[in-house]
C-alpha atoms as a PDB file:
ATOM      1  CA  UNK A   1      17.001   4.142   6.442  1.00  0.00           C
ATOM      2  CA  UNK A   2      14.723   7.085   7.170  1.00  0.00           C
ATOM      3  CA  UNK A   3      14.320   7.693   3.453  1.00  0.00           C
ATOM      4  CA  UNK A   4      13.126   4.041   3.009  1.00  0.00           C
ATOM      5  CA  UNK A   5      10.822   4.335   6.012  1.00  0.00           C
ATOM      6  CA  UNK A   6       9.301   7.627   4.442  1.00  0.00           C
ATOM      7  CA  UNK A   7       8.860   5.827   1.106  1.00  0.00           C
ATOM      8  CA  UNK A   8       7.068   2.921   2.772  1.00  0.00           C
ATOM      9  CA  UNK A   9       4.869   5.443   4.707  1.00  0.00           C
ATOM     10  CA  UNK A  10       3.977   7.330   1.498  1.00  0.00           C
ATOM     11  CA  UNK A  11       3.154   4.111  -0.282  1.00  0.00           C
ATOM     12  CA  UNK A  12       0.991   2.941   2.624  1.00  0.00           C
ATOM     13  CA  UNK A  13      -0.826   6.424   2.705  1.00  0.00           C
ATOM     14  CA  UNK A  14      -1.504   6.295  -1.019  1.00  0.00           C
ATOM     15  CA  UNK A  15      -2.586   2.666  -0.690  1.00  0.00           C
ATOM     16  CA  UNK A  16      -5.274   3.679   1.847  1.00  0.00           C
ATOM     17  CA  UNK A  17      -6.822   6.017  -0.768  1.00  0.00           C
ATOM     18  CA  UNK A  18      -6.713   3.325  -3.457  1.00  0.00           C
ATOM     19  CA  UNK A  19      -8.212   0.733  -1.126  1.00  0.00           C
ATOM     20  CA  UNK A  20     -10.976   3.028  -0.074  1.00  0.00           C
ATOM     21  CA  UNK A  21     -11.837   3.877  -3.730  1.00  0.00           C
ATOM     22  CA  UNK A  22     -11.829   0.075  -4.480  1.00  0.00           C
ATOM     23  CA  UNK A  23     -14.151  -0.777  -1.461  1.00  0.00           C
ATOM     24  CA  UNK A  24     -16.483   2.053  -2.380  1.00  0.00           C
ATOM     25  CA  UNK A  25     -16.766   0.931  -6.020  1.00  0.00           C
ATOM     26  CA  UNK A  26     -20.215  -0.599  -6.324  1.00  0.00           C
ATOM     27  CA  UNK A  27     -19.461  -1.965  -9.807  1.00  0.00           C
ATOM     28  CA  UNK A  28     -17.140  -4.428  -8.319  1.00  0.00           C
ATOM     29  CA  UNK A  29     -18.151  -7.824  -6.792  1.00  0.00           C
ATOM     30  CA  UNK A  30     -18.779  -7.689  -3.055  1.00  0.00           C
ATOM     31  CA  UNK A  31     -15.934 -10.158  -2.262  1.00  0.00           C
ATOM     32  CA  UNK A  32     -13.417  -7.642  -3.981  1.00  0.00           C
ATOM     33  CA  UNK A  33     -14.772  -4.730  -2.169  1.00  0.00           C
ATOM     34  CA  UNK A  34     -14.772  -6.543   1.218  1.00  0.00           C
ATOM     35  CA  UNK A  35     -11.195  -7.720   0.721  1.00  0.00           C
ATOM     36  CA  UNK A  36     -10.155  -4.073  -0.146  1.00  0.00           C
ATOM     37  CA  UNK A  37     -11.856  -3.013   3.009  1.00  0.00           C
ATOM     38  CA  UNK A  38     -10.037  -5.587   5.119  1.00  0.00           C
ATOM     39  CA  UNK A  39      -6.778  -4.837   3.383  1.00  0.00           C
ATOM     40  CA  UNK A  40      -7.317  -1.203   4.288  1.00  0.00           C
ATOM     41  CA  UNK A  41      -7.346  -2.109   7.959  1.00  0.00           C
ATOM     42  CA  UNK A  42      -4.152  -4.091   7.531  1.00  0.00           C
ATOM     43  CA  UNK A  43      -2.543  -1.197   5.623  1.00  0.00           C
ATOM     44  CA  UNK A  44      -3.479   1.278   8.260  1.00  0.00           C
ATOM     45  CA  UNK A  45      -1.750  -0.947  10.867  1.00  0.00           C
ATOM     46  CA  UNK A  46       1.314  -1.105   8.687  1.00  0.00           C
ATOM     47  CA  UNK A  47       1.404   2.642   8.173  1.00  0.00           C
ATOM     48  CA  UNK A  48       1.097   3.239  11.914  1.00  0.00           C
ATOM     49  CA  UNK A  49       4.048   0.831  12.672  1.00  0.00           C
ATOM     50  CA  UNK A  50       6.124   2.640  10.141  1.00  0.00           C
ATOM     51  CA  UNK A  51       5.148   6.008  11.454  1.00  0.00           C
ATOM     52  CA  UNK A  52       6.171   4.875  14.936  1.00  0.00           C
ATOM     53  CA  UNK A  53       9.591   3.903  13.641  1.00  0.00           C
ATOM     54  CA  UNK A  54       9.859   7.226  11.990  1.00  0.00           C
ATOM     55  CA  UNK A  55       8.919   9.123  15.051  1.00  0.00           C
ATOM     56  CA  UNK A  56      11.741   7.313  16.946  1.00  0.00           C
ATOM     57  CA  UNK A  57      14.359   7.768  14.286  1.00  0.00           C
ATOM     58  CA  UNK A  58      13.496  11.128  12.706  1.00  0.00           C
ATOM     59  CA  UNK A  59      10.659  13.095  14.400  1.00  0.00           C
ATOM     60  CA  UNK A  60      11.014  15.981  12.055  1.00  0.00           C
ATOM     61  CA  UNK A  61      10.469  13.773   9.014  1.00  0.00           C
ATOM     62  CA  UNK A  62       7.599  12.051  10.704  1.00  0.00           C
ATOM     63  CA  UNK A  63       5.937  15.285  11.455  1.00  0.00           C
ATOM     64  CA  UNK A  64       6.344  16.572   7.900  1.00  0.00           C
ATOM     65  CA  UNK A  65       4.824  13.332   6.489  1.00  0.00           C
ATOM     66  CA  UNK A  66       1.842  13.281   8.680  1.00  0.00           C
ATOM     67  CA  UNK A  67       1.461  17.139   8.388  1.00  0.00           C
ATOM     68  CA  UNK A  68       0.891  16.951   4.689  1.00  0.00           C
ATOM     69  CA  UNK A  69      -2.633  16.377   3.475  1.00  0.00           C
ATOM     70  CA  UNK A  70      -3.091  13.564   1.098  1.00  0.00           C
ATOM     71  CA  UNK A  71      -4.617  14.390  -2.224  1.00  0.00           C
ATOM     72  CA  UNK A  72      -7.759  12.487  -3.088  1.00  0.00           C
ATOM     73  CA  UNK A  73      -7.618  10.045  -6.041  1.00  0.00           C
ATOM     74  CA  UNK A  74      -8.671  11.919  -9.328  1.00  0.00           C
ATOM     75  CA  UNK A  75     -10.852   8.985 -10.302  1.00  0.00           C
ATOM     76  CA  UNK A  76     -12.140   5.633  -9.184  1.00  0.00           C
ATOM     77  CA  UNK A  77      -9.263   3.204  -8.662  1.00  0.00           C
ATOM     78  CA  UNK A  78      -9.211  -0.018 -10.577  1.00  0.00           C
ATOM     79  CA  UNK A  79      -7.982  -3.555  -9.931  1.00  0.00           C
ATOM     80  CA  UNK A  80      -4.953  -2.628 -12.119  1.00  0.00           C
ATOM     81  CA  UNK A  81      -4.262   0.211  -9.736  1.00  0.00           C
ATOM     82  CA  UNK A  82      -4.496  -2.122  -6.668  1.00  0.00           C
ATOM     83  CA  UNK A  83      -2.073  -4.608  -8.385  1.00  0.00           C
ATOM     84  CA  UNK A  84       0.341  -1.845  -9.013  1.00  0.00           C
ATOM     85  CA  UNK A  85       0.063  -0.733  -5.400  1.00  0.00           C
ATOM     86  CA  UNK A  86       0.820  -4.217  -4.150  1.00  0.00           C
ATOM     87  CA  UNK A  87       3.985  -4.306  -6.439  1.00  0.00           C
ATOM     88  CA  UNK A  88       5.031  -1.025  -5.026  1.00  0.00           C
ATOM     89  CA  UNK A  89       4.464  -2.107  -1.448  1.00  0.00           C
ATOM     90  CA  UNK A  90       6.426  -5.290  -2.097  1.00  0.00           C
ATOM     91  CA  UNK A  91       9.409  -3.249  -3.540  1.00  0.00           C
ATOM     92  CA  UNK A  92       9.270  -0.822  -0.560  1.00  0.00           C
ATOM     93  CA  UNK A  93       9.365  -3.536   2.073  1.00  0.00           C
ATOM     94  CA  UNK A  94      12.018  -5.519   0.249  1.00  0.00           C
ATOM     95  CA  UNK A  95      14.132  -2.385   0.132  1.00  0.00           C
ATOM     96  CA  UNK A  96      13.562  -1.506   3.775  1.00  0.00           C
ATOM     97  CA  UNK A  97      14.261  -4.849   5.446  1.00  0.00           C
ATOM     98  CA  UNK A  98      17.986  -4.996   4.987  1.00  0.00           C
ATOM     99  CA  UNK A  99      18.346  -1.598   6.509  1.00  0.00           C
ATOM    100  CA  UNK A 100      16.158  -2.550   9.494  1.00  0.00           C
ATOM    101  CA  UNK A 101      18.142  -5.609  10.115  1.00  0.00           C
ATOM    102  CA  UNK A 102      21.473  -3.857   9.789  1.00  0.00           C
ATOM    103  CA  UNK A 103      20.279  -1.257  12.261  1.00  0.00           C
ATOM    104  CA  UNK A 104      19.192  -4.016  14.680  1.00  0.00           C
ATOM    105  CA  UNK A 105      15.480  -3.080  14.774  1.00  0.00           C
ATOM    106  CA  UNK A 106      14.363  -6.525  14.773  1.00  0.00           C
ATOM    107  CA  UNK A 107      10.803  -5.853  15.950  1.00  0.00           C
ATOM    108  CA  UNK A 108      10.147  -3.576  13.009  1.00  0.00           C
ATOM    109  CA  UNK A 109      11.976  -5.883  10.693  1.00  0.00           C
ATOM    110  CA  UNK A 110       9.667  -8.835  11.716  1.00  0.00           C
ATOM    111  CA  UNK A 111       6.659  -6.616  11.211  1.00  0.00           C
ATOM    112  CA  UNK A 112       7.879  -5.626   7.682  1.00  0.00           C
ATOM    113  CA  UNK A 113       8.669  -9.221   6.763  1.00  0.00           C
ATOM    114  CA  UNK A 114       5.159 -10.122   7.804  1.00  0.00           C
ATOM    115  CA  UNK A 115       3.717  -7.227   5.784  1.00  0.00           C
ATOM    116  CA  UNK A 116       5.789  -8.344   2.759  1.00  0.00           C
ATOM    117  CA  UNK A 117       4.336 -11.748   2.991  1.00  0.00           C
ATOM    118  CA  UNK A 118       0.861 -10.304   3.242  1.00  0.00           C
ATOM    119  CA  UNK A 119       1.461  -8.051   0.093  1.00  0.00           C
ATOM    120  CA  UNK A 120       2.682 -11.039  -1.797  1.00  0.00           C
ATOM    121  CA  UNK A 121      -0.426 -12.964  -0.899  1.00  0.00           C
ATOM    122  CA  UNK A 122      -2.768 -10.124  -1.777  1.00  0.00           C
ATOM    123  CA  UNK A 123      -0.982  -9.703  -5.136  1.00  0.00           C
ATOM    124  CA  UNK A 124      -1.424 -13.446  -5.799  1.00  0.00           C
ATOM    125  CA  UNK A 125      -5.059 -13.128  -4.895  1.00  0.00           C
ATOM    126  CA  UNK A 126      -5.530 -10.140  -7.229  1.00  0.00           C
ATOM    127  CA  UNK A 127      -3.805 -11.957 -10.040  1.00  0.00           C
ATOM    128  CA  UNK A 128      -5.992 -15.021  -9.582  1.00  0.00           C
ATOM    129  CA  UNK A 129      -9.249 -13.057 -10.043  1.00  0.00           C
ATOM    130  CA  UNK A 130     -11.243 -13.940 -13.054  1.00  0.00           C
ATOM    131  CA  UNK A 131     -11.014 -11.039 -15.499  1.00  0.00           C
ATOM    132  CA  UNK A 132     -14.619 -11.731 -16.505  1.00  0.00           C
ATOM    133  CA  UNK A 133     -15.736 -10.886 -13.049  1.00  0.00           C
ATOM    134  CA  UNK A 134     -14.867  -7.235 -13.494  1.00  0.00           C
ATOM    135  CA  UNK A 135     -13.857  -6.758 -17.257  1.00  0.00           C
ATOM    136  CA  UNK A 136     -13.945  -3.042 -17.341  1.00  0.00           C
ATOM    137  CA  UNK A 137     -11.665  -2.743 -14.293  1.00  0.00           C
ATOM    138  CA  UNK A 138      -9.232  -5.398 -15.352  1.00  0.00           C
ATOM    139  CA  UNK A 139      -8.165  -3.379 -18.470  1.00  0.00           C
ATOM    140  CA  UNK A 140      -4.916  -1.336 -18.161  1.00  0.00           C
ATOM    141  CA  UNK A 141      -5.137   2.302 -17.222  1.00  0.00           C
ATOM    142  CA  UNK A 142      -4.420   4.798 -20.021  1.00  0.00           C
ATOM    143  CA  UNK A 143      -0.885   6.108 -19.917  1.00  0.00           C
ATOM    144  CA  UNK A 144      -1.983   9.694 -19.098  1.00  0.00           C
ATOM    145  CA  UNK A 145      -3.691   8.562 -15.882  1.00  0.00           C
ATOM    146  CA  UNK A 146      -0.969   6.519 -14.398  1.00  0.00           C
ATOM    147  CA  UNK A 147      -0.334   7.252 -10.667  1.00  0.00           C
ATOM    148  CA  UNK A 148       3.085   8.372  -9.770  1.00  0.00           C
ATOM    149  CA  UNK A 149       4.778   7.065  -6.551  1.00  0.00           C
END
């Protein structure tokens, strides 16, 4: 379970950098940037919840994760990056939920289920955006620049 918590924490940590890059990108429409900013607040709260669980179950792992400095993104994040991030978050929460329920950590399981619903709704919103609204950012990222999780 701690491995899955750590994975979810890392995804949220990376997600905050992606969302910050999106919200700072002045070439995107204001509604996209403001939604990225709001989702950053949501992601920060999710990360804090996961960190709390890690501190309770594996203080050493929690300390290692929070002690490592996050690398800045090498370039401006795109809407395709954001969509990939949401898919990765969905996978991380879907993997984590059965372990939390089995361990009887219902409070965190409920939080993760709510976060899973949120990630799915954000992904749906991203997929519904009109590609003409931000054509350069809707294009797929070149293979050499893909972000590794």
